[in-house]
């Protein structure tokens, strides 16, 4: 696996962890809806076994659960 893929997975995971625990489910659902993936794929992207994109990382960093 390339270093860039790992960096993006870490970036996605850190952005996800910044969301309050009780609002993460909503964030996962919205992420999967917007990026057309399943929750299992989302977990793989955070773990680094599936490729995360810069666009996905930026979306998660900008996501506001209260909007």
C-alpha atoms as a PDB file:
ATOM      1  CA  UNK A   1       0.000   0.000   0.000  1.00  0.00           C
ATOM      2  CA  UNK A   2       1.267   3.462  -0.828  1.00  0.00           C
ATOM      3  CA  UNK A   3       2.044   6.014   1.860  1.00  0.00           C
ATOM      4  CA  UNK A   4      -0.470   8.440   0.311  1.00  0.00           C
ATOM      5  CA  UNK A   5      -3.307   5.951   0.814  1.00  0.00           C
ATOM      6  CA  UNK A   6      -2.362   5.512   4.466  1.00  0.00           C
ATOM      7  CA  UNK A   7      -2.132   9.271   4.984  1.00  0.00           C
ATOM      8  CA  UNK A   8      -5.602   9.772   3.497  1.00  0.00           C
ATOM      9  CA  UNK A   9      -7.039   6.980   5.655  1.00  0.00           C
ATOM     10  CA  UNK A  10      -5.545   8.594   8.748  1.00  0.00           C
ATOM     11  CA  UNK A  11      -6.880  11.977   7.682  1.00  0.00           C
ATOM     12  CA  UNK A  12     -10.378  10.530   7.114  1.00  0.00           C
ATOM     13  CA  UNK A  13     -10.296   8.684  10.425  1.00  0.00           C
ATOM     14  CA  UNK A  14      -9.163  11.747  12.380  1.00  0.00           C
ATOM     15  CA  UNK A  15     -11.864  13.907  10.803  1.00  0.00           C
ATOM     16  CA  UNK A  16     -14.438  11.244  11.714  1.00  0.00           C
ATOM     17  CA  UNK A  17     -13.201  11.077  15.315  1.00  0.00           C
ATOM     18  CA  UNK A  18     -13.672  14.842  15.691  1.00  0.00           C
ATOM     19  CA  UNK A  19     -17.431  14.329  15.314  1.00  0.00           C
ATOM     20  CA  UNK A  20     -19.168  13.704  18.662  1.00  0.00           C
ATOM     21  CA  UNK A  21     -19.723   9.997  19.281  1.00  0.00           C
ATOM     22  CA  UNK A  22     -23.524  10.211  19.344  1.00  0.00           C
ATOM     23  CA  UNK A  23     -23.555  11.955  15.928  1.00  0.00           C
ATOM     24  CA  UNK A  24     -21.138   9.643  14.099  1.00  0.00           C
ATOM     25  CA  UNK A  25     -23.868   7.303  12.856  1.00  0.00           C
ATOM     26  CA  UNK A  26     -25.556  10.195  11.066  1.00  0.00           C
ATOM     27  CA  UNK A  27     -22.187  11.245   9.610  1.00  0.00           C
ATOM     28  CA  UNK A  28     -21.547   7.693   8.331  1.00  0.00           C
ATOM     29  CA  UNK A  29     -24.984   7.512   6.742  1.00  0.00           C
ATOM     30  CA  UNK A  30     -24.590  10.896   5.061  1.00  0.00           C
ATOM     31  CA  UNK A  31     -21.055  10.040   3.867  1.00  0.00           C
ATOM     32  CA  UNK A  32     -22.272   6.789   2.316  1.00  0.00           C
ATOM     33  CA  UNK A  33     -25.195   8.563   0.677  1.00  0.00           C
ATOM     34  CA  UNK A  34     -23.058  11.342  -0.798  1.00  0.00           C
ATOM     35  CA  UNK A  35     -20.162   9.124  -1.916  1.00  0.00           C
ATOM     36  CA  UNK A  36     -22.342   6.149  -2.899  1.00  0.00           C
ATOM     37  CA  UNK A  37     -20.663   3.509  -0.790  1.00  0.00           C
ATOM     38  CA  UNK A  38     -21.708   1.055   1.899  1.00  0.00           C
ATOM     39  CA  UNK A  39     -20.875   1.368   5.593  1.00  0.00           C
ATOM     40  CA  UNK A  40     -18.454  -1.547   5.299  1.00  0.00           C
ATOM     41  CA  UNK A  41     -16.550   0.312   2.594  1.00  0.00           C
ATOM     42  CA  UNK A  42     -16.461   3.380   4.796  1.00  0.00           C
ATOM     43  CA  UNK A  43     -14.873   1.324   7.590  1.00  0.00           C
ATOM     44  CA  UNK A  44     -12.315  -0.065   5.131  1.00  0.00           C
ATOM     45  CA  UNK A  45     -11.443   3.449   3.975  1.00  0.00           C
ATOM     46  CA  UNK A  46     -10.825   4.507   7.579  1.00  0.00           C
ATOM     47  CA  UNK A  47      -8.745   1.409   8.251  1.00  0.00           C
ATOM     48  CA  UNK A  48      -6.646   1.864   5.126  1.00  0.00           C
ATOM     49  CA  UNK A  49      -7.680  -1.332   3.335  1.00  0.00           C
ATOM     50  CA  UNK A  50      -9.710   0.629   0.761  1.00  0.00           C
ATOM     51  CA  UNK A  51      -8.559   3.762  -0.981  1.00  0.00           C
ATOM     52  CA  UNK A  52      -9.816   7.055   0.446  1.00  0.00           C
ATOM     53  CA  UNK A  53      -9.787  10.128  -1.785  1.00  0.00           C
ATOM     54  CA  UNK A  54      -8.871  13.705  -1.016  1.00  0.00           C
ATOM     55  CA  UNK A  55     -12.455  14.708  -1.821  1.00  0.00           C
ATOM     56  CA  UNK A  56     -13.815  12.255   0.771  1.00  0.00           C
ATOM     57  CA  UNK A  57     -11.366  13.525   3.390  1.00  0.00           C
ATOM     58  CA  UNK A  58     -12.277  17.137   2.693  1.00  0.00           C
ATOM     59  CA  UNK A  59     -15.988  16.309   2.871  1.00  0.00           C
ATOM     60  CA  UNK A  60     -15.588  14.648   6.276  1.00  0.00           C
ATOM     61  CA  UNK A  61     -13.462  17.538   7.563  1.00  0.00           C
ATOM     62  CA  UNK A  62     -16.117  20.049   6.507  1.00  0.00           C
ATOM     63  CA  UNK A  63     -19.086  17.963   7.651  1.00  0.00           C
ATOM     64  CA  UNK A  64     -21.195  19.693  10.246  1.00  0.00           C
ATOM     65  CA  UNK A  65     -23.672  17.420  12.029  1.00  0.00           C
ATOM     66  CA  UNK A  66     -25.770  20.381  13.148  1.00  0.00           C
ATOM     67  CA  UNK A  67     -26.407  21.741   9.662  1.00  0.00           C
END
